[in-house]
Amino acid sequence: MSGPGVSTLEGMTESTSSYCTPEPGPKLEPAAEGPFASCVLCQEPTEYPESTKGITLCPVCEWQEAQRNACSG
């Protein structure tokens, strides 16, 4: 189907075709031994050291947050 007003996918780059894919955040290194940071949502211990700056999530909350932020497309 072509004609005026009909757009095609020609010329789209991968960066424009995956617009809902979030850019990866900084990778945090898991702590080898405690003390561990608490999850900001459920207060369970995380795998990250207490000195980690920013939001720390436990694996369960991290997974649930990823599901909420995933493309629904």
C-alpha atoms as a PDB file:
ATOM      1  CA  MET A   1       0.000   0.000   0.000  1.00  0.00           C
ATOM      2  CA  SER A   2       1.535   3.288  -1.027  1.00  0.00           C
ATOM      3  CA  GLY A   3       0.453   6.767  -1.883  1.00  0.00           C
ATOM      4  CA  PRO A   4       0.162  10.186  -0.284  1.00  0.00           C
ATOM      5  CA  GLY A   5      -0.198  10.119   3.480  1.00  0.00           C
ATOM      6  CA  VAL A   6       0.989   6.519   3.797  1.00  0.00           C
ATOM      7  CA  SER A   7       4.235   6.131   5.659  1.00  0.00           C
ATOM      8  CA  THR A   8       6.651   3.268   5.208  1.00  0.00           C
ATOM      9  CA  LEU A   9       9.390   1.865   7.365  1.00  0.00           C
ATOM     10  CA  GLU A  10      12.033   2.584   4.738  1.00  0.00           C
ATOM     11  CA  GLY A  11      14.877   4.689   6.016  1.00  0.00           C
ATOM     12  CA  MET A  12      14.211   3.965   9.679  1.00  0.00           C
ATOM     13  CA  THR A  13      17.270   3.220  11.682  1.00  0.00           C
ATOM     14  CA  GLU A  14      17.364   0.798  14.558  1.00  0.00           C
ATOM     15  CA  SER A  15      17.449   3.685  17.030  1.00  0.00           C
ATOM     16  CA  THR A  16      14.148   5.064  15.738  1.00  0.00           C
ATOM     17  CA  SER A  17      12.453   1.689  15.341  1.00  0.00           C
ATOM     18  CA  SER A  18      13.093   0.728  18.967  1.00  0.00           C
ATOM     19  CA  TYR A  19      11.880   3.944  20.544  1.00  0.00           C
ATOM     20  CA  CYS A  20      10.289   2.237  23.515  1.00  0.00           C
ATOM     21  CA  THR A  21      13.390   0.297  24.461  1.00  0.00           C
ATOM     22  CA  PRO A  22      14.957   2.130  27.400  1.00  0.00           C
ATOM     23  CA  GLU A  23      18.647   2.851  27.410  1.00  0.00           C
ATOM     24  CA  PRO A  24      20.461   0.564  29.822  1.00  0.00           C
ATOM     25  CA  GLY A  25      21.295   2.138  33.141  1.00  0.00           C
ATOM     26  CA  PRO A  26      24.641   1.875  34.843  1.00  0.00           C
ATOM     27  CA  LYS A  27      25.500  -1.651  35.897  1.00  0.00           C
ATOM     28  CA  LEU A  28      25.949  -2.021  39.625  1.00  0.00           C
ATOM     29  CA  GLU A  29      28.423  -4.532  40.931  1.00  0.00           C
ATOM     30  CA  PRO A  30      27.000  -7.003  43.468  1.00  0.00           C
ATOM     31  CA  ALA A  31      28.582  -6.869  46.892  1.00  0.00           C
ATOM     32  CA  ALA A  32      30.833  -9.757  47.845  1.00  0.00           C
ATOM     33  CA  GLU A  33      29.966  -9.444  51.526  1.00  0.00           C
ATOM     34  CA  GLY A  34      27.739  -7.198  53.675  1.00  0.00           C
ATOM     35  CA  PRO A  35      26.473  -4.874  54.819  1.00  0.00           C
ATOM     36  CA  PHE A  36      23.881  -4.866  52.048  1.00  0.00           C
ATOM     37  CA  ALA A  37      21.641  -1.979  51.025  1.00  0.00           C
ATOM     38  CA  SER A  38      17.912  -2.294  51.734  1.00  0.00           C
ATOM     39  CA  CYS A  39      15.390  -2.322  48.908  1.00  0.00           C
ATOM     40  CA  VAL A  40      13.629   1.051  48.740  1.00  0.00           C
ATOM     41  CA  LEU A  41      10.265  -0.631  48.068  1.00  0.00           C
ATOM     42  CA  CYS A  42      10.099  -3.653  50.398  1.00  0.00           C
ATOM     43  CA  GLN A  43      13.088  -3.092  52.737  1.00  0.00           C
ATOM     44  CA  GLU A  44      14.513  -6.565  52.001  1.00  0.00           C
ATOM     45  CA  PRO A  45      18.312  -6.807  51.650  1.00  0.00           C
ATOM     46  CA  THR A  46      19.605  -6.340  48.115  1.00  0.00           C
ATOM     47  CA  GLU A  47      22.699  -7.750  46.451  1.00  0.00           C
ATOM     48  CA  TYR A  48      24.315  -4.296  46.430  1.00  0.00           C
ATOM     49  CA  PRO A  49      26.609  -2.799  49.073  1.00  0.00           C
ATOM     50  CA  GLU A  50      25.198  -0.226  51.481  1.00  0.00           C
ATOM     51  CA  SER A  51      27.463   2.415  49.924  1.00  0.00           C
ATOM     52  CA  THR A  52      25.626   2.221  46.546  1.00  0.00           C
ATOM     53  CA  LYS A  53      24.162   5.596  45.602  1.00  0.00           C
ATOM     54  CA  GLY A  54      20.687   5.935  44.136  1.00  0.00           C
ATOM     55  CA  ILE A  55      17.733   3.590  44.220  1.00  0.00           C
ATOM     56  CA  THR A  56      18.535   0.012  45.196  1.00  0.00           C
ATOM     57  CA  LEU A  57      15.994  -2.726  44.540  1.00  0.00           C
ATOM     58  CA  CYS A  58      15.974  -6.374  45.572  1.00  0.00           C
ATOM     59  CA  PRO A  59      15.812  -8.901  42.701  1.00  0.00           C
ATOM     60  CA  VAL A  60      12.035  -9.375  43.090  1.00  0.00           C
ATOM     61  CA  CYS A  61      11.231  -5.646  43.024  1.00  0.00           C
ATOM     62  CA  GLU A  62      13.751  -5.108  40.213  1.00  0.00           C
ATOM     63  CA  TRP A  63      11.939  -7.750  38.134  1.00  0.00           C
ATOM     64  CA  GLN A  64       8.505  -6.261  38.906  1.00  0.00           C
ATOM     65  CA  GLU A  65       9.732  -2.764  38.022  1.00  0.00           C
ATOM     66  CA  ALA A  66      11.097  -4.057  34.705  1.00  0.00           C
ATOM     67  CA  GLN A  67       7.706  -5.632  33.935  1.00  0.00           C
ATOM     68  CA  ARG A  68       5.918  -2.344  34.666  1.00  0.00           C
ATOM     69  CA  ASN A  69       8.299  -0.403  32.432  1.00  0.00           C
ATOM     70  CA  ALA A  70       8.322  -2.907  29.541  1.00  0.00           C
ATOM     71  CA  CYS A  71       6.756  -2.028  26.218  1.00  0.00           C
ATOM     72  CA  SER A  72       3.128  -2.998  26.045  1.00  0.00           C
ATOM     73  CA  GLY A  73       3.160  -2.728  22.268  1.00  0.00           C
END
